[in-house]
Amino acid sequence: MKKAGSRARLRKFISDISVHTPFSKMLLLLVVSWLIFSAAIYFAESGVEGSSIASYGNALYWGIAAFSTAGIADAPISTVAQLIGGIWIVLGSILFFGAIVATVTAYFMRPMLRPHKKIIETIEYNLEQLEDLSIDELDLLKETVDTLIEHVENLKGKRSRV
């Protein structure tokens, strides 16, 4: 029973991340940029004697090592590839770390930006926990729901008049 609940919460968490944060868009932008810059590095380094980037696979590896600040990527040899690589290191790092920071920030700021969602989530949580609530907590929940229903009816009345 507990596994099903934690799986449902994990699915909701993943859904919240993909729907309510910029993670998916930033990840897609990062992957597309990585593929493009890796291709540019590969073409700039192809035919350059002594280059360690002899295939597109090597260029893909270089692209990951460069933006992730792993520091294990061999430096490109040609001037054009060094320029492309420098731009990629800066842009890739911004996208990579920016995706993490933007996702975490958006995820934790979401309840503050949409209080109605927080209200609904709190009510849903309390409804799931009804058996564990005391009589006082049930009374408080009833009063809160009654007030919420009254408020919603007032809002609907105002909107229908407009």
N, C-alpha and C. Protein backbone atom coordinates (compact mmCIF):
# COMPACT_ATOMS: atom_id res chain seq x y z
N MET A 1 0.83 -1.20 0.00
CA MET A 1 0.00 0.00 0.00
C MET A 1 0.87 1.26 0.00
N LYS A 2 1.94 1.24 0.81
CA LYS A 2 2.81 2.42 0.87
C LYS A 2 3.56 2.61 -0.44
N LYS A 3 3.96 1.51 -1.11
CA LYS A 3 4.68 1.62 -2.37
C LYS A 3 3.83 2.30 -3.44
N ALA A 4 2.55 1.95 -3.49
CA ALA A 4 1.66 2.56 -4.48
C ALA A 4 1.53 4.06 -4.23
N GLY A 5 1.46 4.46 -2.96
CA GLY A 5 1.37 5.88 -2.62
C GLY A 5 2.63 6.63 -2.98
N SER A 6 3.79 6.01 -2.72
CA SER A 6 5.04 6.70 -3.05
C SER A 6 5.27 6.74 -4.56
N ARG A 7 4.82 5.71 -5.26
CA ARG A 7 4.93 5.74 -6.73
C ARG A 7 4.05 6.84 -7.30
N ALA A 8 2.85 6.97 -6.76
CA ALA A 8 1.94 8.03 -7.23
C ALA A 8 2.53 9.41 -6.95
N ARG A 9 3.13 9.57 -5.77
CA ARG A 9 3.75 10.86 -5.45
C ARG A 9 4.94 11.13 -6.36
N LEU A 10 5.73 10.08 -6.68
CA LEU A 10 6.87 10.25 -7.58
C LEU A 10 6.39 10.64 -8.98
N ARG A 11 5.33 9.97 -9.46
CA ARG A 11 4.77 10.32 -10.77
C ARG A 11 4.27 11.76 -10.78
N LYS A 12 3.61 12.18 -9.70
CA LYS A 12 3.11 13.56 -9.61
C LYS A 12 4.27 14.55 -9.58
N PHE A 13 5.33 14.20 -8.85
CA PHE A 13 6.52 15.06 -8.77
C PHE A 13 7.13 15.22 -10.16
N ILE A 14 7.31 14.11 -10.87
CA ILE A 14 7.90 14.16 -12.22
C ILE A 14 6.99 14.94 -13.16
N SER A 15 5.69 14.73 -13.04
CA SER A 15 4.74 15.47 -13.86
C SER A 15 4.81 16.97 -13.56
N ASP A 16 4.87 17.31 -12.27
CA ASP A 16 4.99 18.72 -11.87
C ASP A 16 6.25 19.34 -12.46
N ILE A 17 7.36 18.61 -12.39
CA ILE A 17 8.63 19.13 -12.92
C ILE A 17 8.51 19.37 -14.42
N SER A 18 7.95 18.40 -15.14
CA SER A 18 7.91 18.55 -16.60
C SER A 18 6.87 19.57 -17.06
N VAL A 19 5.78 19.73 -16.32
CA VAL A 19 4.71 20.63 -16.75
C VAL A 19 4.91 22.06 -16.23
N HIS A 20 5.34 22.18 -14.97
CA HIS A 20 5.34 23.50 -14.32
C HIS A 20 6.71 24.16 -14.19
N THR A 21 7.74 23.55 -14.74
CA THR A 21 9.06 24.17 -14.69
C THR A 21 9.65 24.20 -16.09
N PRO A 22 10.70 24.98 -16.30
CA PRO A 22 11.31 25.07 -17.63
C PRO A 22 12.28 23.93 -17.93
N PHE A 23 12.32 22.88 -17.09
CA PHE A 23 13.31 21.82 -17.23
C PHE A 23 13.29 21.17 -18.61
N SER A 24 12.13 20.77 -19.08
CA SER A 24 12.03 20.06 -20.37
C SER A 24 12.53 20.94 -21.52
N LYS A 25 12.10 22.20 -21.52
CA LYS A 25 12.50 23.10 -22.59
C LYS A 25 14.01 23.37 -22.55
N MET A 26 14.53 23.58 -21.35
CA MET A 26 15.96 23.87 -21.23
C MET A 26 16.80 22.64 -21.56
N LEU A 27 16.32 21.46 -21.19
CA LEU A 27 17.03 20.23 -21.51
C LEU A 27 17.06 20.02 -23.02
N LEU A 28 15.93 20.25 -23.68
CA LEU A 28 15.88 20.14 -25.13
C LEU A 28 16.83 21.13 -25.79
N LEU A 29 16.83 22.37 -25.32
CA LEU A 29 17.73 23.39 -25.85
C LEU A 29 19.19 22.98 -25.64
N LEU A 30 19.50 22.44 -24.48
CA LEU A 30 20.86 21.98 -24.18
C LEU A 30 21.28 20.86 -25.12
N VAL A 31 20.42 19.88 -25.32
CA VAL A 31 20.76 18.74 -26.19
C VAL A 31 20.93 19.19 -27.64
N VAL A 32 20.02 20.02 -28.13
CA VAL A 32 20.13 20.50 -29.51
C VAL A 32 21.40 21.33 -29.69
N SER A 33 21.69 22.21 -28.74
CA SER A 33 22.91 23.02 -28.81
C SER A 33 24.16 22.14 -28.76
N TRP A 34 24.13 21.13 -27.90
CA TRP A 34 25.27 20.20 -27.78
C TRP A 34 25.52 19.50 -29.11
N LEU A 35 24.45 19.02 -29.75
CA LEU A 35 24.61 18.33 -31.04
C LEU A 35 25.16 19.28 -32.11
N ILE A 36 24.68 20.51 -32.14
CA ILE A 36 25.13 21.48 -33.13
C ILE A 36 26.59 21.89 -32.88
N PHE A 37 26.91 22.22 -31.63
CA PHE A 37 28.29 22.63 -31.34
C PHE A 37 29.27 21.47 -31.52
N SER A 38 28.85 20.27 -31.20
CA SER A 38 29.72 19.10 -31.41
C SER A 38 29.99 18.90 -32.89
N ALA A 39 28.96 19.09 -33.72
CA ALA A 39 29.16 18.98 -35.16
C ALA A 39 30.11 20.08 -35.65
N ALA A 40 29.94 21.29 -35.14
CA ALA A 40 30.82 22.40 -35.54
C ALA A 40 32.27 22.12 -35.14
N ILE A 41 32.47 21.61 -33.92
CA ILE A 41 33.83 21.26 -33.47
C ILE A 41 34.41 20.17 -34.36
N TYR A 42 33.60 19.17 -34.67
CA TYR A 42 34.07 18.06 -35.50
C TYR A 42 34.52 18.57 -36.88
N PHE A 43 33.67 19.39 -37.51
CA PHE A 43 34.03 19.90 -38.84
C PHE A 43 35.23 20.84 -38.78
N ALA A 44 35.33 21.63 -37.72
CA ALA A 44 36.47 22.55 -37.59
C ALA A 44 37.77 21.80 -37.34
N GLU A 45 37.70 20.66 -36.67
CA GLU A 45 38.89 19.89 -36.33
C GLU A 45 39.21 18.78 -37.34
N SER A 46 38.26 18.45 -38.22
CA SER A 46 38.53 17.37 -39.17
C SER A 46 39.66 17.78 -40.11
N GLY A 47 40.59 16.88 -40.26
CA GLY A 47 41.74 17.13 -41.13
C GLY A 47 42.88 17.87 -40.46
N VAL A 48 42.71 18.30 -39.21
CA VAL A 48 43.77 19.01 -38.49
C VAL A 48 44.68 17.95 -37.88
N GLU A 49 45.93 18.03 -38.21
CA GLU A 49 46.90 17.04 -37.72
C GLU A 49 47.09 17.17 -36.20
N GLY A 50 47.04 16.04 -35.52
CA GLY A 50 47.24 16.01 -34.08
C GLY A 50 45.98 16.23 -33.26
N SER A 51 44.86 16.42 -33.93
CA SER A 51 43.60 16.64 -33.22
C SER A 51 43.09 15.34 -32.62
N SER A 52 42.60 15.41 -31.41
CA SER A 52 42.03 14.23 -30.76
C SER A 52 40.57 14.04 -31.14
N ILE A 53 40.01 15.00 -31.84
CA ILE A 53 38.61 14.92 -32.25
C ILE A 53 38.57 14.43 -33.70
N ALA A 54 38.59 13.11 -33.84
CA ALA A 54 38.67 12.51 -35.17
C ALA A 54 37.33 11.97 -35.65
N SER A 55 36.32 11.98 -34.81
CA SER A 55 35.00 11.49 -35.20
C SER A 55 33.93 12.34 -34.51
N TYR A 56 32.70 12.18 -35.00
CA TYR A 56 31.59 12.91 -34.38
C TYR A 56 31.38 12.41 -32.95
N GLY A 57 31.62 11.13 -32.71
CA GLY A 57 31.53 10.58 -31.36
C GLY A 57 32.51 11.25 -30.41
N ASN A 58 33.76 11.47 -30.89
CA ASN A 58 34.74 12.19 -30.08
C ASN A 58 34.28 13.62 -29.80
N ALA A 59 33.66 14.23 -30.81
CA ALA A 59 33.17 15.60 -30.64
C ALA A 59 32.02 15.65 -29.63
N LEU A 60 31.15 14.66 -29.66
CA LEU A 60 30.06 14.59 -28.68
C LEU A 60 30.63 14.45 -27.27
N TYR A 61 31.62 13.57 -27.13
CA TYR A 61 32.25 13.40 -25.82
C TYR A 61 32.91 14.71 -25.38
N TRP A 62 33.61 15.36 -26.30
CA TRP A 62 34.27 16.62 -25.98
C TRP A 62 33.22 17.65 -25.52
N GLY A 63 32.08 17.69 -26.22
CA GLY A 63 31.04 18.65 -25.88
C GLY A 63 30.51 18.46 -24.46
N ILE A 64 30.33 17.21 -24.04
CA ILE A 64 29.85 16.95 -22.66
C ILE A 64 30.94 17.30 -21.66
N ALA A 65 32.16 16.85 -21.91
CA ALA A 65 33.25 17.11 -20.97
C ALA A 65 33.51 18.61 -20.83
N ALA A 66 33.35 19.35 -21.93
CA ALA A 66 33.63 20.79 -21.90
C ALA A 66 32.59 21.56 -21.10
N PHE A 67 31.29 21.34 -21.36
CA PHE A 67 30.29 22.16 -20.67
C PHE A 67 30.04 21.71 -19.25
N SER A 68 30.33 20.47 -18.95
CA SER A 68 30.06 19.99 -17.59
C SER A 68 31.22 20.33 -16.65
N THR A 69 32.18 21.03 -17.13
CA THR A 69 33.37 21.44 -16.39
C THR A 69 34.14 20.26 -15.82
N ALA A 70 34.04 19.11 -16.50
CA ALA A 70 34.79 17.94 -16.05
C ALA A 70 36.29 18.19 -16.23
N GLY A 71 36.64 19.02 -17.20
CA GLY A 71 38.04 19.39 -17.39
C GLY A 71 38.89 18.29 -18.00
N ILE A 72 38.27 17.26 -18.54
CA ILE A 72 39.07 16.17 -19.10
C ILE A 72 39.08 16.19 -20.62
N ALA A 73 38.45 17.17 -21.21
CA ALA A 73 38.40 17.24 -22.66
C ALA A 73 39.71 17.79 -23.20
N ASP A 74 40.18 17.18 -24.29
CA ASP A 74 41.37 17.72 -24.95
C ASP A 74 40.99 19.02 -25.64
N ALA A 75 41.91 19.95 -25.62
CA ALA A 75 41.63 21.24 -26.24
C ALA A 75 41.67 21.11 -27.76
N PRO A 76 40.76 21.79 -28.44
CA PRO A 76 40.82 21.80 -29.90
C PRO A 76 42.11 22.48 -30.36
N ILE A 77 42.56 22.13 -31.54
CA ILE A 77 43.83 22.66 -32.04
C ILE A 77 43.63 23.88 -32.94
N SER A 78 42.67 23.81 -33.86
CA SER A 78 42.49 24.92 -34.80
C SER A 78 41.88 26.13 -34.09
N THR A 79 42.18 27.30 -34.61
CA THR A 79 41.68 28.54 -34.02
C THR A 79 40.16 28.61 -34.08
N VAL A 80 39.59 28.20 -35.20
CA VAL A 80 38.13 28.22 -35.35
C VAL A 80 37.49 27.30 -34.33
N ALA A 81 38.06 26.10 -34.16
CA ALA A 81 37.51 25.14 -33.20
C ALA A 81 37.66 25.65 -31.77
N GLN A 82 38.75 26.34 -31.49
CA GLN A 82 38.93 26.91 -30.15
C GLN A 82 37.88 27.98 -29.87
N LEU A 83 37.58 28.81 -30.87
CA LEU A 83 36.55 29.84 -30.73
C LEU A 83 35.18 29.18 -30.51
N ILE A 84 34.85 28.20 -31.34
CA ILE A 84 33.58 27.48 -31.19
C ILE A 84 33.52 26.80 -29.83
N GLY A 85 34.61 26.17 -29.44
CA GLY A 85 34.67 25.49 -28.15
C GLY A 85 34.50 26.44 -26.98
N GLY A 86 35.12 27.60 -27.06
CA GLY A 86 34.98 28.59 -25.99
C GLY A 86 33.54 29.07 -25.85
N ILE A 87 32.90 29.33 -26.97
CA ILE A 87 31.49 29.74 -26.94
C ILE A 87 30.63 28.62 -26.36
N TRP A 88 30.91 27.37 -26.78
CA TRP A 88 30.13 26.23 -26.27
C TRP A 88 30.31 26.04 -24.76
N ILE A 89 31.53 26.19 -24.28
CA ILE A 89 31.77 26.01 -22.84
C ILE A 89 30.93 27.00 -22.04
N VAL A 90 30.92 28.25 -22.46
CA VAL A 90 30.14 29.27 -21.75
C VAL A 90 28.64 29.01 -21.90
N LEU A 91 28.18 28.84 -23.13
CA LEU A 91 26.76 28.63 -23.39
C LEU A 91 26.26 27.32 -22.76
N GLY A 92 27.01 26.24 -22.92
CA GLY A 92 26.61 24.96 -22.36
C GLY A 92 26.54 24.99 -20.85
N SER A 93 27.50 25.63 -20.22
CA SER A 93 27.49 25.74 -18.76
C SER A 93 26.29 26.55 -18.28
N ILE A 94 26.00 27.63 -18.98
CA ILE A 94 24.83 28.45 -18.61
C ILE A 94 23.55 27.63 -18.74
N LEU A 95 23.41 26.91 -19.84
CA LEU A 95 22.20 26.10 -20.04
C LEU A 95 22.10 24.97 -19.02
N PHE A 96 23.22 24.30 -18.77
CA PHE A 96 23.23 23.15 -17.86
C PHE A 96 22.89 23.58 -16.43
N PHE A 97 23.67 24.51 -15.90
CA PHE A 97 23.44 24.95 -14.53
C PHE A 97 22.18 25.81 -14.42
N GLY A 98 21.88 26.56 -15.49
CA GLY A 98 20.66 27.36 -15.51
C GLY A 98 19.42 26.48 -15.45
N ALA A 99 19.45 25.34 -16.14
CA ALA A 99 18.31 24.42 -16.10
C ALA A 99 18.08 23.91 -14.69
N ILE A 100 19.14 23.60 -14.00
CA ILE A 100 19.02 23.10 -12.63
C ILE A 100 18.46 24.18 -11.72
N VAL A 101 19.06 25.36 -11.75
CA VAL A 101 18.62 26.45 -10.88
C VAL A 101 17.19 26.89 -11.21
N ALA A 102 16.88 27.03 -12.49
CA ALA A 102 15.53 27.47 -12.89
C ALA A 102 14.48 26.44 -12.49
N THR A 103 14.80 25.16 -12.63
CA THR A 103 13.84 24.11 -12.27
C THR A 103 13.57 24.09 -10.78
N VAL A 104 14.64 24.12 -9.99
CA VAL A 104 14.46 24.10 -8.53
C VAL A 104 13.70 25.34 -8.07
N THR A 105 14.07 26.49 -8.60
CA THR A 105 13.40 27.74 -8.22
C THR A 105 11.93 27.71 -8.61
N ALA A 106 11.65 27.33 -9.85
CA ALA A 106 10.26 27.31 -10.31
C ALA A 106 9.43 26.30 -9.53
N TYR A 107 10.02 25.16 -9.21
CA TYR A 107 9.28 24.13 -8.48
C TYR A 107 8.88 24.61 -7.09
N PHE A 108 9.82 25.23 -6.39
CA PHE A 108 9.53 25.64 -5.02
C PHE A 108 8.77 26.97 -4.95
N MET A 109 8.81 27.77 -6.00
CA MET A 109 8.07 29.03 -6.02
C MET A 109 6.64 28.85 -6.51
N ARG A 110 6.36 27.74 -7.17
CA ARG A 110 5.04 27.50 -7.75
C ARG A 110 3.90 27.65 -6.77
N PRO A 111 3.98 27.07 -5.57
CA PRO A 111 2.85 27.25 -4.65
C PRO A 111 2.61 28.71 -4.29
N MET A 112 3.66 29.51 -4.26
CA MET A 112 3.49 30.93 -3.92
C MET A 112 2.87 31.69 -5.07
N LEU A 113 3.12 31.24 -6.28
CA LEU A 113 2.59 31.93 -7.44
C LEU A 113 1.15 31.52 -7.73
N ARG A 114 0.76 30.34 -7.30
CA ARG A 114 -0.59 29.84 -7.55
C ARG A 114 -1.20 29.33 -6.25
N PRO A 115 -1.65 30.24 -5.40
CA PRO A 115 -2.17 29.79 -4.10
C PRO A 115 -3.39 28.89 -4.23
N HIS A 116 -4.18 29.05 -5.31
CA HIS A 116 -5.35 28.20 -5.46
C HIS A 116 -4.95 26.73 -5.61
N LYS A 117 -3.82 26.49 -6.27
CA LYS A 117 -3.33 25.10 -6.40
C LYS A 117 -2.96 24.55 -5.03
N LYS A 118 -2.35 25.40 -4.20
CA LYS A 118 -1.96 24.96 -2.86
C LYS A 118 -3.20 24.64 -2.03
N ILE A 119 -4.23 25.44 -2.17
CA ILE A 119 -5.48 25.19 -1.44
C ILE A 119 -6.06 23.85 -1.86
N ILE A 120 -6.12 23.62 -3.17
CA ILE A 120 -6.67 22.36 -3.68
C ILE A 120 -5.83 21.18 -3.21
N GLU A 121 -4.49 21.31 -3.30
CA GLU A 121 -3.62 20.22 -2.85
C GLU A 121 -3.79 19.94 -1.36
N THR A 122 -3.97 20.99 -0.55
CA THR A 122 -4.16 20.81 0.88
C THR A 122 -5.48 20.09 1.16
N ILE A 123 -6.53 20.49 0.46
CA ILE A 123 -7.82 19.82 0.64
C ILE A 123 -7.72 18.36 0.21
N GLU A 124 -7.08 18.11 -0.96
CA GLU A 124 -6.92 16.73 -1.43
C GLU A 124 -6.13 15.90 -0.42
N TYR A 125 -5.09 16.47 0.12
CA TYR A 125 -4.28 15.75 1.10
C TYR A 125 -5.12 15.42 2.34
N ASN A 126 -5.86 16.41 2.82
CA ASN A 126 -6.70 16.19 4.00
C ASN A 126 -7.77 15.15 3.73
N LEU A 127 -8.33 15.14 2.53
CA LEU A 127 -9.33 14.13 2.20
C LEU A 127 -8.73 12.73 2.21
N GLU A 128 -7.47 12.62 1.76
CA GLU A 128 -6.79 11.33 1.79
C GLU A 128 -6.51 10.87 3.22
N GLN A 129 -6.42 11.83 4.14
CA GLN A 129 -6.06 11.53 5.53
C GLN A 129 -7.26 11.57 6.48
N LEU A 130 -8.47 11.51 5.95
CA LEU A 130 -9.67 11.67 6.77
C LEU A 130 -9.70 10.73 7.97
N GLU A 131 -9.31 9.49 7.77
CA GLU A 131 -9.37 8.52 8.86
C GLU A 131 -8.45 8.89 10.02
N ASP A 132 -7.38 9.62 9.73
CA ASP A 132 -6.40 9.97 10.75
C ASP A 132 -6.71 11.29 11.45
N LEU A 133 -7.70 12.04 10.95
CA LEU A 133 -7.99 13.35 11.52
C LEU A 133 -8.83 13.22 12.79
N SER A 134 -8.58 14.13 13.72
CA SER A 134 -9.38 14.17 14.94
C SER A 134 -10.71 14.86 14.65
N ILE A 135 -11.62 14.82 15.60
CA ILE A 135 -12.93 15.47 15.44
C ILE A 135 -12.75 16.97 15.24
N ASP A 136 -11.84 17.59 16.01
CA ASP A 136 -11.59 19.03 15.86
C ASP A 136 -11.05 19.35 14.46
N GLU A 137 -10.15 18.51 13.99
CA GLU A 137 -9.59 18.74 12.66
C GLU A 137 -10.65 18.55 11.58
N LEU A 138 -11.54 17.57 11.76
CA LEU A 138 -12.63 17.37 10.81
C LEU A 138 -13.58 18.57 10.80
N ASP A 139 -13.87 19.10 11.99
CA ASP A 139 -14.72 20.29 12.07
C ASP A 139 -14.07 21.48 11.36
N LEU A 140 -12.78 21.66 11.58
CA LEU A 140 -12.05 22.75 10.92
C LEU A 140 -12.05 22.56 9.41
N LEU A 141 -11.87 21.33 8.97
CA LEU A 141 -11.89 21.03 7.54
C LEU A 141 -13.26 21.35 6.96
N LYS A 142 -14.33 20.97 7.66
CA LYS A 142 -15.69 21.25 7.19
C LYS A 142 -15.93 22.75 7.10
N GLU A 143 -15.53 23.50 8.12
CA GLU A 143 -15.69 24.95 8.10
C GLU A 143 -14.93 25.57 6.94
N THR A 144 -13.72 25.09 6.71
CA THR A 144 -12.89 25.62 5.63
C THR A 144 -13.53 25.34 4.28
N VAL A 145 -13.99 24.12 4.09
CA VAL A 145 -14.63 23.76 2.82
C VAL A 145 -15.92 24.54 2.63
N ASP A 146 -16.72 24.67 3.69
CA ASP A 146 -17.95 25.46 3.59
C ASP A 146 -17.66 26.91 3.21
N THR A 147 -16.64 27.49 3.83
CA THR A 147 -16.24 28.87 3.51
C THR A 147 -15.77 28.97 2.07
N LEU A 148 -15.01 27.97 1.64
CA LEU A 148 -14.51 27.95 0.27
C LEU A 148 -15.67 27.85 -0.72
N ILE A 149 -16.63 27.00 -0.45
CA ILE A 149 -17.80 26.85 -1.33
C ILE A 149 -18.58 28.16 -1.39
N GLU A 150 -18.76 28.79 -0.23
CA GLU A 150 -19.48 30.07 -0.18
C GLU A 150 -18.73 31.13 -0.99
N HIS A 151 -17.44 31.16 -0.85
CA HIS A 151 -16.62 32.13 -1.58
C HIS A 151 -16.71 31.88 -3.09
N VAL A 152 -16.65 30.63 -3.50
CA VAL A 152 -16.74 30.28 -4.92
C VAL A 152 -18.10 30.69 -5.48
N GLU A 153 -19.17 30.44 -4.72
CA GLU A 153 -20.50 30.83 -5.18
C GLU A 153 -20.61 32.34 -5.32
N ASN A 154 -20.00 33.09 -4.39
CA ASN A 154 -19.99 34.56 -4.49
C ASN A 154 -19.24 35.01 -5.74
N LEU A 155 -18.11 34.39 -6.02
CA LEU A 155 -17.33 34.74 -7.22
C LEU A 155 -18.11 34.43 -8.49
N LYS A 156 -18.77 33.29 -8.51
CA LYS A 156 -19.57 32.94 -9.69
C LYS A 156 -20.70 33.93 -9.88
N GLY A 157 -21.35 34.35 -8.77
CA GLY A 157 -22.42 35.34 -8.84
C GLY A 157 -21.94 36.66 -9.39
N LYS A 158 -20.74 37.09 -8.95
CA LYS A 158 -20.17 38.36 -9.45
C LYS A 158 -19.86 38.25 -10.95
N ARG A 159 -19.32 37.11 -11.36
CA ARG A 159 -18.95 36.95 -12.77
C ARG A 159 -20.18 36.85 -13.67
N SER A 160 -21.24 36.24 -13.17
CA SER A 160 -22.44 36.10 -13.99
C SER A 160 -23.14 37.46 -14.17
N ARG A 161 -22.97 38.36 -13.21
CA ARG A 161 -23.56 39.70 -13.31
C ARG A 161 -22.80 40.57 -14.30
N VAL A 162 -21.53 40.26 -14.49
CA VAL A 162 -20.67 41.09 -15.36
C VAL A 162 -20.87 40.72 -16.78
